[in-house]
Amino acid sequence: MKTPIGEILYKDEDFCLTWEKPNGYAVCHAEVYRTAPSVVKRFRGEVANQVSLQKEDGYVLCDKRNTKLKRFLKLVGFKYVRNLWRLDAQGDNLIVELWGVNYHDKNSRKH
């Protein structure tokens, strides 16, 4: 297991959900150890719960080529927001996708 980034908001044997607030935005980090349908459903519910408790939108940065992560994000209620341009650790251009779950969108919080 990796060291969690940000404040641990939920952790069990199937996943760990943490949030941090760089530049004022709530960024979600997760370690998912098992992706059975029941775990995905619980994860989606916990994301919805944390968005409600935090009373703000939650975001995830995703490498454009990471199709597995993008499929998972859709399953747990995140929606594509936009592309972002960044510099990577070596100073090279990097385009990442921003995905979010909206606090005010009741459809994204169904579980």
Protein backbone atom coordinates (compact mmCIF):
# COMPACT_ATOMS: atom_id res chain seq x y z
CA MET A 1 0.00 0.00 0.00
CA LYS A 2 1.09 3.53 -0.78
CA THR A 3 1.17 6.28 1.81
CA PRO A 4 -2.16 8.13 1.54
CA ILE A 5 -2.15 11.65 0.13
CA GLY A 6 -4.28 14.13 2.04
CA GLU A 7 -6.67 13.56 4.91
CA ILE A 8 -8.05 10.01 5.16
CA LEU A 9 -11.84 10.30 5.08
CA TYR A 10 -12.67 6.61 4.73
CA LYS A 11 -10.69 3.40 4.85
CA ASP A 12 -11.57 -0.30 4.95
CA GLU A 13 -10.23 -3.57 3.53
CA ASP A 14 -11.48 -2.71 0.00
CA PHE A 15 -10.51 0.94 -0.48
CA CYS A 16 -9.09 4.10 1.06
CA LEU A 17 -10.49 7.53 0.15
CA THR A 18 -8.53 10.71 0.89
CA TRP A 19 -9.00 14.36 -0.03
CA GLU A 20 -6.66 17.31 -0.13
CA LYS A 21 -7.18 20.94 -1.07
CA PRO A 22 -4.34 22.28 -3.21
CA ASN A 23 -5.23 25.74 -4.51
CA GLY A 24 -8.63 25.57 -2.79
CA TYR A 25 -10.04 22.66 -4.82
CA ALA A 26 -11.05 19.36 -3.20
CA VAL A 27 -8.95 16.68 -4.92
CA CYS A 28 -9.89 13.06 -4.34
CA HIS A 29 -7.27 10.31 -4.07
CA ALA A 30 -8.13 6.65 -3.71
CA GLU A 31 -6.51 3.29 -3.36
CA VAL A 32 -8.92 0.58 -4.47
CA TYR A 33 -7.83 -2.91 -3.49
CA ARG A 34 -10.79 -4.85 -4.91
CA THR A 35 -13.22 -3.84 -7.68
CA ALA A 36 -16.14 -6.24 -7.21
CA PRO A 37 -19.55 -4.69 -8.04
CA SER A 38 -20.41 -4.44 -4.33
CA VAL A 39 -17.17 -2.54 -3.67
CA VAL A 40 -17.81 -0.15 -6.58
CA LYS A 41 -21.30 0.52 -5.20
CA ARG A 42 -19.94 1.21 -1.69
CA PHE A 43 -17.17 3.41 -3.13
CA ARG A 44 -19.72 5.45 -5.11
CA GLY A 45 -21.81 5.83 -1.95
CA GLU A 46 -18.81 6.93 0.08
CA VAL A 47 -17.80 9.52 -2.54
CA ALA A 48 -21.37 10.85 -2.50
CA ASN A 49 -21.31 10.90 1.31
CA GLN A 50 -18.01 12.78 1.44
CA VAL A 51 -19.12 15.32 -1.19
CA SER A 52 -22.22 15.99 0.94
CA LEU A 53 -20.22 16.24 4.16
CA GLN A 54 -17.59 18.51 2.60
CA LYS A 55 -20.33 20.58 0.90
CA GLU A 56 -18.22 21.04 -2.21
CA ASP A 57 -17.37 19.46 -5.53
CA GLY A 58 -14.66 16.78 -5.62
CA TYR A 59 -12.11 16.38 -8.43
CA VAL A 60 -9.71 13.79 -9.81
CA LEU A 61 -6.82 14.33 -12.23
CA CYS A 62 -6.48 11.52 -14.75
CA ASP A 63 -3.88 10.72 -17.41
CA LYS A 64 -5.67 10.89 -20.77
CA ARG A 65 -4.39 7.41 -21.66
CA ASN A 66 -5.65 5.73 -18.47
CA THR A 67 -8.84 4.14 -19.82
CA LYS A 68 -9.18 1.81 -16.83
CA LEU A 69 -9.32 4.74 -14.39
CA LYS A 70 -11.74 6.67 -16.61
CA ARG A 71 -14.12 3.69 -16.72
CA PHE A 72 -13.96 3.45 -12.91
CA LEU A 73 -14.56 7.20 -12.49
CA LYS A 74 -17.72 6.94 -14.61
CA LEU A 75 -18.94 3.98 -12.54
CA VAL A 76 -18.58 5.90 -9.28
CA GLY A 77 -20.29 9.10 -10.44
CA PHE A 78 -17.48 11.34 -11.69
CA LYS A 79 -17.94 13.21 -14.97
CA TYR A 80 -15.35 14.58 -17.40
CA VAL A 81 -14.90 18.34 -16.86
CA ARG A 82 -12.04 19.45 -19.14
CA ASN A 83 -8.41 18.98 -20.17
CA LEU A 84 -5.68 20.73 -18.20
CA TRP A 85 -2.17 21.57 -19.34
CA ARG A 86 0.58 20.92 -16.80
CA LEU A 87 4.33 20.40 -16.65
CA ASP A 88 5.48 17.00 -15.46
CA ALA A 89 8.37 16.36 -13.06
CA GLN A 90 10.88 16.69 -15.93
CA GLY A 91 9.39 19.99 -17.11
CA ASP A 92 7.73 18.47 -20.20
CA ASN A 93 4.24 19.37 -21.37
CA LEU A 94 1.53 17.11 -20.01
CA ILE A 95 -2.20 17.14 -20.76
CA VAL A 96 -4.37 15.59 -18.05
CA GLU A 97 -8.12 15.29 -17.75
CA LEU A 98 -10.06 16.82 -14.87
CA TRP A 99 -13.01 14.72 -13.66
CA GLY A 100 -15.47 15.91 -11.03
CA VAL A 101 -18.46 15.03 -8.94
CA ASN A 102 -20.76 17.97 -8.34
CA TYR A 103 -22.08 18.68 -4.85
CA HIS A 104 -25.25 20.29 -6.26
CA ASP A 105 -25.92 17.49 -8.80
CA LYS A 106 -28.21 15.01 -7.06
CA ASN A 107 -27.80 12.54 -9.97
CA SER A 108 -24.07 12.23 -9.32
CA ARG A 109 -24.81 11.33 -5.69
CA LYS A 110 -27.28 8.50 -6.28
CA HIS A 111 -26.15 5.16 -4.94
